[in-house]
Amino acid sequence: MNTTFRPADRLASVQEYYFSRKLKEVAQLNAEGKDIISLAIGSPDMPPSERTIEVLCEEARKANAHGYQPTIGIPELRTAMATFYQRWYGVTLDPASEIQPLIGSKEGILHVTLAFVNPGDTVLVPNPGYPTYTSLSKLLGANVVNYDLTEAGGWQPDFGQLEDIVLRQPNCKLLWTNYPHMPTGAPARRETYERLVAFAQKHGIIVVNDNPYSFIRPDQTPSPLLSILQVPGAKDCCIEFNSMSKSHNMPGWRVAMLATNAQFVQWILKVKTNVENGTFRAIQLAAAEALTNTSEEWHREMNAELYARRRSIAEEIMATLGCTFDPSQTGMFLWGRIPDSIDNVEDLTERVLHEARVFITPGFIFGTNGERYIRISLCAKEEQMREALSRIREQFNP
């Protein structure tokens, strides 16, 4: 190979995504006949509503459905997204100017950062938090500064620390936040949203709330769904992501949305139109159908009762491993603290993988504040989770 070729300098700032690398190892173990059970990835294993699939098939058969689509999204989808926000969150949005469909939230992270952050500008990222907030910011030349989330603080921002960061760091442009929180499962709090909006207004920083887990409530709490856009004035300084991957069992469809003021949408769209074209029309129409045809009963059956049953098994796995966890957490994962007797979290997860043949996630991939934690995904059939529990019991509590 010609050794004069070199990758761009930006690649030195990031590593291959942990799951991309680890899934190669899991695939090799499976090829060797190890039959690994994965409780690592948050990829819903149930289908969307039957009518959603029917619309996809009906539209895909039409001869005129296969051309390029507008980057802004078709009117039917934008209207459905605005109606979704009004119905479930009580937030009024103009479908023509305050909603932007996305090909997944990862795309949104890229486009928002390109739209608002110059190389060298500061981006505030939670620790622990979704790794893509950090990796994409670094790839685009931003100065990433972590703010701490801790178990003692209920995994909520320390606003005193945020104030100190802003005083020390020039050109703070974005603050990434994510409630209900991944990976810790900390529920959204109205007070936190109100303080984030006030912080954004005070310092001229755009707060981006990533909100894909609202509907995943294994505790089946009757409390209302929360959005940062419910806070007065939030639309002027905040952007919210939402995704159909988790709430409507459509991770592979790649349909998400952002909601904010019309000016922000236009700036983001300026980036988006130079990067990609719109999603396949049949997928957009099926997504619009999903947003309107899923009832409260469907969400309860698919996203509460189902995950509640799986959650109870995950709790038994945590107990078998000697881990502790907060029972109030929500979402499609269970986050637990490893025993003090274990020096390194990866010592535990590697033993679980190679001895019990179960793949679970070490918390360090989400930041240094996750180094004493593991995460178990609830996105596996109950029989698989019970088999995983049996294997772990055999190895860790014979």
Protein backbone atom coordinates (compact mmCIF):
# COMPACT_ATOMS: atom_id res chain seq x y z
CA MET A 1 0.00 0.00 0.00
CA ASN A 2 1.24 3.50 -0.83
CA THR A 3 2.47 4.85 2.51
CA THR A 4 2.25 8.47 1.36
CA PHE A 5 -1.51 8.44 1.85
CA ARG A 6 -2.71 9.87 5.16
CA PRO A 7 -6.20 10.36 6.57
CA ALA A 8 -7.48 13.80 7.50
CA ASP A 9 -6.14 15.12 10.80
CA ARG A 10 -9.65 15.14 12.24
CA LEU A 11 -9.68 11.34 12.42
CA ALA A 12 -7.05 11.49 15.14
CA SER A 13 -9.65 13.08 17.45
CA VAL A 14 -12.02 10.09 17.44
CA GLN A 15 -12.03 6.32 17.63
CA GLU A 16 -14.25 3.81 15.87
CA TYR A 17 -17.63 3.76 17.60
CA TYR A 18 -17.50 1.26 20.48
CA PHE A 19 -20.48 -0.79 19.31
CA SER A 20 -19.16 -0.96 15.76
CA ARG A 21 -15.90 -2.40 17.04
CA LYS A 22 -17.42 -4.69 19.67
CA LEU A 23 -20.10 -6.12 17.39
CA LYS A 24 -17.34 -7.42 15.12
CA GLU A 25 -15.99 -9.38 18.07
CA VAL A 26 -19.48 -10.64 18.95
CA ALA A 27 -20.00 -11.72 15.32
CA GLN A 28 -16.74 -13.67 15.43
CA LEU A 29 -17.78 -15.37 18.69
CA ASN A 30 -21.10 -16.30 17.13
CA ALA A 31 -19.28 -17.68 14.07
CA GLU A 32 -17.38 -19.91 16.50
CA GLY A 33 -20.70 -21.22 17.83
CA LYS A 34 -20.76 -19.24 21.09
CA ASP A 35 -24.39 -18.03 20.68
CA ILE A 36 -23.95 -14.62 22.31
CA ILE A 37 -27.09 -12.96 23.71
CA SER A 38 -26.88 -9.21 23.17
CA LEU A 39 -28.28 -6.98 25.90
CA ALA A 40 -26.19 -4.04 24.76
CA ILE A 41 -27.87 -2.13 21.92
CA GLY A 42 -31.03 -0.02 22.23
CA SER A 43 -32.61 -1.28 19.02
CA PRO A 44 -36.32 -2.10 19.53
CA ASP A 45 -37.06 -5.66 18.46
CA MET A 46 -40.82 -5.23 17.97
CA PRO A 47 -42.49 -3.96 14.77
CA PRO A 48 -44.38 -0.70 14.29
CA SER A 49 -48.15 -0.77 13.99
CA GLU A 50 -49.56 -3.03 11.27
CA ARG A 51 -51.16 -0.12 9.43
CA THR A 52 -47.78 1.64 9.28
CA ILE A 53 -46.27 -1.33 7.44
CA GLU A 54 -49.30 -1.55 5.13
CA VAL A 55 -48.91 2.11 4.10
CA LEU A 56 -45.21 1.55 3.37
CA CYS A 57 -46.02 -1.36 1.08
CA GLU A 58 -48.94 0.39 -0.64
CA GLU A 59 -46.93 3.52 -1.38
CA ALA A 60 -43.82 1.63 -2.48
CA ARG A 61 -45.85 -0.14 -5.20
CA LYS A 62 -46.84 3.16 -6.83
CA ALA A 63 -44.90 3.93 -10.00
CA ASN A 64 -44.48 7.62 -9.17
CA ALA A 65 -43.19 7.10 -5.60
CA HIS A 66 -39.50 6.52 -6.31
CA GLY A 67 -38.12 9.91 -7.28
CA TYR A 68 -36.11 12.41 -5.27
CA GLN A 69 -38.01 14.00 -2.41
CA PRO A 70 -37.80 17.54 -0.99
CA THR A 71 -35.16 17.90 1.71
CA ILE A 72 -37.63 19.73 3.93
CA GLY A 73 -39.88 16.66 4.01
CA ILE A 74 -43.29 16.20 2.45
CA PRO A 75 -46.18 18.26 3.90
CA GLU A 76 -47.98 15.15 5.16
CA LEU A 77 -45.05 14.21 7.38
CA ARG A 78 -44.40 17.71 8.67
CA THR A 79 -48.07 18.11 9.55
CA ALA A 80 -48.12 14.72 11.30
CA MET A 81 -45.06 15.69 13.33
CA ALA A 82 -46.60 18.97 14.42
CA THR A 83 -49.84 17.18 15.30
CA PHE A 84 -47.81 14.64 17.31
CA TYR A 85 -46.26 17.44 19.38
CA GLN A 86 -49.65 19.05 19.99
CA ARG A 87 -51.32 15.77 20.90
CA TRP A 88 -48.73 14.35 23.28
CA TYR A 89 -46.83 17.37 24.61
CA GLY A 90 -49.32 20.21 24.22
CA VAL A 91 -46.74 22.16 22.15
CA THR A 92 -47.98 24.14 19.15
CA LEU A 93 -45.65 24.15 16.13
CA ASP A 94 -46.06 25.52 12.63
CA PRO A 95 -45.58 22.46 10.38
CA ALA A 96 -44.40 24.66 7.52
CA SER A 97 -41.59 26.41 9.41
CA GLU A 98 -40.92 25.00 12.92
CA ILE A 99 -40.54 21.28 12.17
CA GLN A 100 -37.74 19.57 10.24
CA PRO A 101 -37.77 15.83 9.49
CA LEU A 102 -34.40 14.12 9.89
CA ILE A 103 -32.81 10.90 8.70
CA GLY A 104 -32.23 9.97 12.33
CA SER A 105 -31.03 12.06 15.26
CA LYS A 106 -27.36 11.41 14.46
CA GLU A 107 -27.90 13.38 11.27
CA GLY A 108 -29.50 16.12 13.32
CA ILE A 109 -26.49 16.32 15.63
CA LEU A 110 -24.25 16.78 12.60
CA HIS A 111 -26.42 19.39 10.91
CA VAL A 112 -27.09 21.44 14.04
CA THR A 113 -23.40 21.54 14.86
CA LEU A 114 -22.52 22.59 11.31
CA ALA A 115 -25.19 25.29 11.43
CA PHE A 116 -24.16 26.91 14.71
CA VAL A 117 -20.59 26.01 15.67
CA ASN A 118 -17.38 27.37 14.16
CA PRO A 119 -14.08 25.49 14.58
CA GLY A 120 -12.76 26.33 18.04
CA ASP A 121 -16.17 27.25 19.49
CA THR A 122 -17.16 25.50 22.71
CA VAL A 123 -19.82 22.81 22.93
CA LEU A 124 -21.05 21.60 26.33
CA VAL A 125 -21.64 17.85 26.53
CA PRO A 126 -23.01 15.80 29.46
CA ASN A 127 -20.80 13.23 31.20
CA PRO A 128 -22.13 10.55 31.04
CA GLY A 129 -23.96 11.06 27.76
CA TYR A 130 -24.50 9.84 24.22
CA PRO A 131 -21.00 9.45 22.68
CA THR A 132 -22.02 10.98 19.34
CA TYR A 133 -22.42 14.43 20.95
CA THR A 134 -18.68 14.33 21.62
CA SER A 135 -17.39 12.53 18.54
CA LEU A 136 -19.21 14.65 15.95
CA SER A 137 -18.28 17.85 17.77
CA LYS A 138 -14.62 16.83 17.69
CA LEU A 139 -14.77 15.84 14.02
CA LEU A 140 -16.07 19.33 13.24
CA GLY A 141 -13.31 21.05 15.21
CA ALA A 142 -15.32 22.16 18.22
CA ASN A 143 -13.88 22.53 21.71
CA VAL A 144 -15.77 19.91 23.75
CA VAL A 145 -16.20 20.65 27.45
CA ASN A 146 -17.97 18.12 29.64
CA TYR A 147 -20.38 19.04 32.41
CA ASP A 148 -20.90 16.48 35.14
CA LEU A 149 -23.97 14.40 35.81
CA THR A 150 -23.70 12.30 38.97
CA GLU A 151 -25.79 9.75 40.81
CA ALA A 152 -25.73 11.96 43.91
CA GLY A 153 -27.19 14.80 41.84
CA GLY A 154 -29.92 12.63 40.34
CA TRP A 155 -28.08 12.79 36.99
CA GLN A 156 -29.28 16.39 36.59
CA PRO A 157 -27.02 19.30 35.55
CA ASP A 158 -25.11 21.20 38.22
CA PHE A 159 -25.96 24.76 37.19
CA GLY A 160 -23.22 26.19 39.40
CA GLN A 161 -20.69 24.19 37.39
CA LEU A 162 -22.32 25.31 34.12
CA GLU A 163 -21.99 28.95 35.17
CA ASP A 164 -18.30 28.41 35.98
CA ILE A 165 -17.70 26.77 32.60
CA VAL A 166 -19.28 29.64 30.70
CA LEU A 167 -17.15 32.16 32.60
CA ARG A 168 -13.96 30.25 31.70
CA GLN A 169 -14.74 29.14 28.16
CA PRO A 170 -15.10 31.64 25.30
CA ASN A 171 -17.66 31.26 22.54
CA CYS A 172 -19.95 28.66 24.11
CA LYS A 173 -22.45 27.92 21.34
CA LEU A 174 -24.34 24.71 22.15
CA LEU A 175 -25.32 22.75 25.22
CA TRP A 176 -26.40 19.16 24.60
CA THR A 177 -28.88 17.62 27.00
CA ASN A 178 -30.96 14.46 26.89
CA TYR A 179 -33.99 13.73 29.07
CA PRO A 180 -35.26 11.17 29.80
CA HIS A 181 -31.55 10.53 30.13
CA MET A 182 -29.52 7.93 28.30
CA PRO A 183 -27.69 5.96 29.67
CA THR A 184 -28.80 6.52 33.28
CA GLY A 185 -32.58 6.49 32.83
CA ALA A 186 -33.02 9.68 34.87
CA PRO A 187 -36.55 10.99 34.15
CA ALA A 188 -37.20 14.41 32.66
CA ARG A 189 -37.96 17.13 35.21
CA ARG A 190 -39.90 20.28 34.50
CA GLU A 191 -37.60 22.18 36.88
CA THR A 192 -34.51 21.08 34.94
CA TYR A 193 -36.07 22.20 31.66
CA GLU A 194 -36.98 25.59 33.16
CA ARG A 195 -33.44 26.11 34.46
CA LEU A 196 -31.94 25.09 31.12
CA VAL A 197 -34.09 27.62 29.28
CA ALA A 198 -33.15 30.35 31.76
CA PHE A 199 -29.47 29.42 31.35
CA ALA A 200 -29.76 29.59 27.55
CA GLN A 201 -31.45 32.99 27.69
CA LYS A 202 -28.92 34.40 30.14
CA HIS A 203 -25.81 33.30 28.22
CA GLY A 204 -26.98 33.28 24.61
CA ILE A 205 -26.36 29.54 24.28
CA ILE A 206 -28.55 27.19 22.27
CA VAL A 207 -29.75 24.21 24.31
CA VAL A 208 -30.44 21.06 22.29
CA ASN A 209 -32.61 18.51 24.11
CA ASP A 210 -32.54 15.00 22.66
CA ASN A 211 -35.92 13.52 23.63
CA PRO A 212 -36.45 10.04 22.07
CA TYR A 213 -37.36 8.15 25.26
CA SER A 214 -40.52 9.94 26.47
CA PHE A 215 -42.79 7.01 25.66
CA ILE A 216 -40.57 4.27 27.10
CA ARG A 217 -41.82 4.12 30.68
CA PRO A 218 -41.50 0.63 32.17
CA ASP A 219 -42.82 1.91 35.51
CA GLN A 220 -46.06 2.81 33.64
CA THR A 221 -46.30 6.14 35.43
CA PRO A 222 -49.37 8.19 34.54
CA SER A 223 -47.42 11.47 34.65
CA PRO A 224 -47.63 13.71 31.55
CA LEU A 225 -44.99 13.58 28.84
CA LEU A 226 -42.45 16.39 29.07
CA SER A 227 -40.77 18.48 26.39
CA ILE A 228 -38.39 21.38 26.88
CA LEU A 229 -40.55 23.30 24.39
CA GLN A 230 -43.33 23.40 26.98
CA VAL A 231 -41.32 26.04 28.87
CA PRO A 232 -42.28 29.61 27.87
CA GLY A 233 -39.59 31.13 25.68
CA ALA A 234 -37.89 27.81 24.98
CA LYS A 235 -38.61 27.87 21.27
CA ASP A 236 -36.49 31.03 20.90
CA CYS A 237 -33.31 29.44 22.28
CA CYS A 238 -33.79 25.67 22.26
CA ILE A 239 -33.98 22.85 19.75
CA GLU A 240 -35.59 19.53 20.54
CA PHE A 241 -34.93 16.24 18.77
CA ASN A 242 -37.47 13.45 18.76
CA SER A 243 -37.25 10.09 17.08
CA MET A 244 -39.56 7.36 15.86
CA SER A 245 -36.87 4.73 16.46
CA LYS A 246 -37.76 4.14 20.10
CA SER A 247 -41.34 5.35 20.47
CA HIS A 248 -42.73 3.67 17.33
CA ASN A 249 -40.35 0.69 16.95
CA MET A 250 -38.80 2.07 13.74
CA PRO A 251 -35.01 2.26 14.32
CA GLY A 252 -34.07 1.00 10.86
CA TRP A 253 -36.47 3.35 9.09
CA ARG A 254 -34.33 6.37 10.04
CA VAL A 255 -37.08 8.89 10.75
CA ALA A 256 -36.62 11.61 13.35
CA MET A 257 -37.46 15.28 13.71
CA LEU A 258 -36.30 18.52 15.22
CA ALA A 259 -38.55 21.29 16.48
CA THR A 260 -37.56 24.89 17.11
CA ASN A 261 -38.13 28.41 15.79
CA ALA A 262 -38.40 29.13 12.07
CA GLN A 263 -35.04 30.94 11.83
CA PHE A 264 -33.13 28.03 13.35
CA VAL A 265 -34.89 25.63 10.99
CA GLN A 266 -33.85 27.70 7.99
CA TRP A 267 -30.20 27.77 9.05
CA ILE A 268 -30.18 24.01 9.64
CA LEU A 269 -31.97 23.44 6.35
CA LYS A 270 -29.24 25.42 4.58
CA VAL A 271 -26.79 22.76 5.74
CA LYS A 272 -29.15 19.86 5.13
CA THR A 273 -29.91 20.78 1.49
CA ASN A 274 -26.20 20.70 0.72
CA VAL A 275 -25.69 17.28 2.29
CA GLU A 276 -28.61 15.03 1.32
CA ASN A 277 -32.01 14.70 -0.33
CA GLY A 278 -35.27 13.79 1.33
CA THR A 279 -36.27 10.36 2.60
CA PHE A 280 -38.05 7.85 0.34
CA ARG A 281 -41.64 9.05 -0.04
CA ALA A 282 -43.18 5.73 1.06
CA ILE A 283 -41.25 5.86 4.32
CA GLN A 284 -42.37 9.44 4.94
CA LEU A 285 -46.03 8.59 4.36
CA ALA A 286 -45.80 5.48 6.53
CA ALA A 287 -44.12 7.52 9.28
CA ALA A 288 -46.93 10.08 9.07
CA GLU A 289 -49.39 7.22 9.48
CA ALA A 290 -47.51 5.90 12.51
CA LEU A 291 -47.54 9.30 14.18
CA THR A 292 -51.30 9.55 13.84
CA ASN A 293 -52.52 5.95 14.22
CA THR A 294 -50.74 4.88 17.40
CA SER A 295 -53.05 5.21 20.37
CA GLU A 296 -52.33 5.56 24.06
CA GLU A 297 -53.23 1.87 24.39
CA TRP A 298 -50.66 0.90 21.72
CA HIS A 299 -47.93 2.87 23.47
CA ARG A 300 -48.88 1.33 26.80
CA GLU A 301 -48.80 -2.22 25.44
CA MET A 302 -45.67 -1.81 23.32
CA ASN A 303 -43.63 0.65 25.35
CA ALA A 304 -44.71 0.22 28.95
CA GLU A 305 -46.07 -3.22 29.68
CA LEU A 306 -43.58 -5.02 27.42
CA TYR A 307 -40.57 -3.16 28.78
CA ALA A 308 -41.86 -3.53 32.34
CA ARG A 309 -41.72 -7.33 32.03
CA ARG A 310 -38.24 -7.20 30.57
CA ARG A 311 -37.13 -4.68 33.17
CA SER A 312 -37.92 -7.12 35.99
CA ILE A 313 -35.58 -9.69 34.41
CA ALA A 314 -32.85 -7.07 33.96
CA GLU A 315 -33.17 -6.21 37.64
CA GLU A 316 -32.53 -9.87 38.50
CA ILE A 317 -29.43 -9.80 36.29
CA MET A 318 -28.19 -6.70 38.11
CA ALA A 319 -28.76 -8.36 41.47
CA THR A 320 -26.94 -11.51 40.36
CA LEU A 321 -23.93 -9.41 39.35
CA GLY A 322 -24.01 -7.57 42.68
CA CYS A 323 -24.91 -4.27 41.06
CA THR A 324 -27.20 -1.62 42.55
CA PHE A 325 -29.62 0.59 40.64
CA ASP A 326 -32.17 3.37 41.07
CA PRO A 327 -35.67 1.86 40.67
CA SER A 328 -37.08 5.22 39.53
CA GLN A 329 -35.13 5.24 36.27
CA THR A 330 -37.02 4.98 33.00
CA GLY A 331 -36.31 4.22 29.33
CA MET A 332 -35.29 1.05 27.50
CA PHE A 333 -32.16 0.35 29.56
CA LEU A 334 -31.27 -0.45 33.14
CA TRP A 335 -28.24 1.38 34.54
CA GLY A 336 -26.47 -0.09 37.55
CA ARG A 337 -23.43 0.54 39.71
CA ILE A 338 -20.88 -2.28 39.91
CA PRO A 339 -19.66 -3.63 43.27
CA ASP A 340 -16.73 -1.85 44.94
CA SER A 341 -14.83 -5.14 44.89
CA ILE A 342 -14.48 -4.91 41.08
CA ASP A 343 -11.53 -2.77 40.02
CA ASN A 344 -12.59 -2.08 36.44
CA VAL A 345 -16.02 -2.25 34.83
CA GLU A 346 -14.62 -3.92 31.73
CA ASP A 347 -13.31 -6.76 33.91
CA LEU A 348 -16.96 -7.50 34.67
CA THR A 349 -18.42 -6.99 31.18
CA GLU A 350 -15.68 -9.07 29.53
CA ARG A 351 -16.24 -11.89 31.98
CA VAL A 352 -19.99 -11.75 31.31
CA LEU A 353 -19.30 -11.84 27.57
CA HIS A 354 -16.76 -14.64 27.47
CA GLU A 355 -17.98 -16.83 30.35
CA ALA A 356 -21.74 -16.27 30.37
CA ARG A 357 -21.92 -15.42 26.66
CA VAL A 358 -23.98 -12.27 27.27
CA PHE A 359 -23.04 -8.88 25.81
CA ILE A 360 -23.74 -5.93 28.12
CA THR A 361 -22.41 -2.40 27.93
CA PRO A 362 -19.65 -0.94 30.14
CA GLY A 363 -20.56 2.56 31.28
CA PHE A 364 -17.19 4.10 30.48
CA ILE A 365 -18.17 4.46 26.82
CA PHE A 366 -20.56 7.23 27.92
CA GLY A 367 -17.89 9.21 29.78
CA THR A 368 -15.68 9.07 32.86
CA ASN A 369 -18.69 9.40 35.17
CA GLY A 370 -19.89 6.05 33.84
CA GLU A 371 -16.76 4.12 34.74
CA ARG A 372 -18.38 2.35 37.71
CA TYR A 373 -21.58 1.39 35.89
CA ILE A 374 -23.01 -1.08 33.41
CA ARG A 375 -26.03 -0.75 31.12
CA ILE A 376 -28.44 -3.55 30.20
CA SER A 377 -30.69 -3.11 27.17
CA LEU A 378 -34.32 -4.20 27.36
CA CYS A 379 -34.45 -4.70 23.58
CA ALA A 380 -34.45 -8.50 23.60
CA LYS A 381 -37.23 -11.05 23.80
CA GLU A 382 -38.18 -12.22 27.29
CA GLU A 383 -37.00 -15.75 26.60
CA GLN A 384 -33.59 -14.43 25.55
CA MET A 385 -33.35 -12.29 28.67
CA ARG A 386 -34.32 -15.24 30.86
CA GLU A 387 -31.67 -17.36 29.17
CA ALA A 388 -29.14 -14.57 29.76
CA LEU A 389 -30.15 -14.49 33.43
CA SER A 390 -29.73 -18.27 33.66
CA ARG A 391 -26.27 -18.14 32.10
CA ILE A 392 -25.12 -15.33 34.37
CA ARG A 393 -26.47 -17.10 37.46
CA GLU A 394 -24.58 -20.22 36.46
CA GLN A 395 -21.28 -18.32 36.19
CA PHE A 396 -21.66 -15.77 38.98
CA ASN A 397 -23.86 -17.54 41.52
CA PRO A 398 -23.39 -21.28 40.98
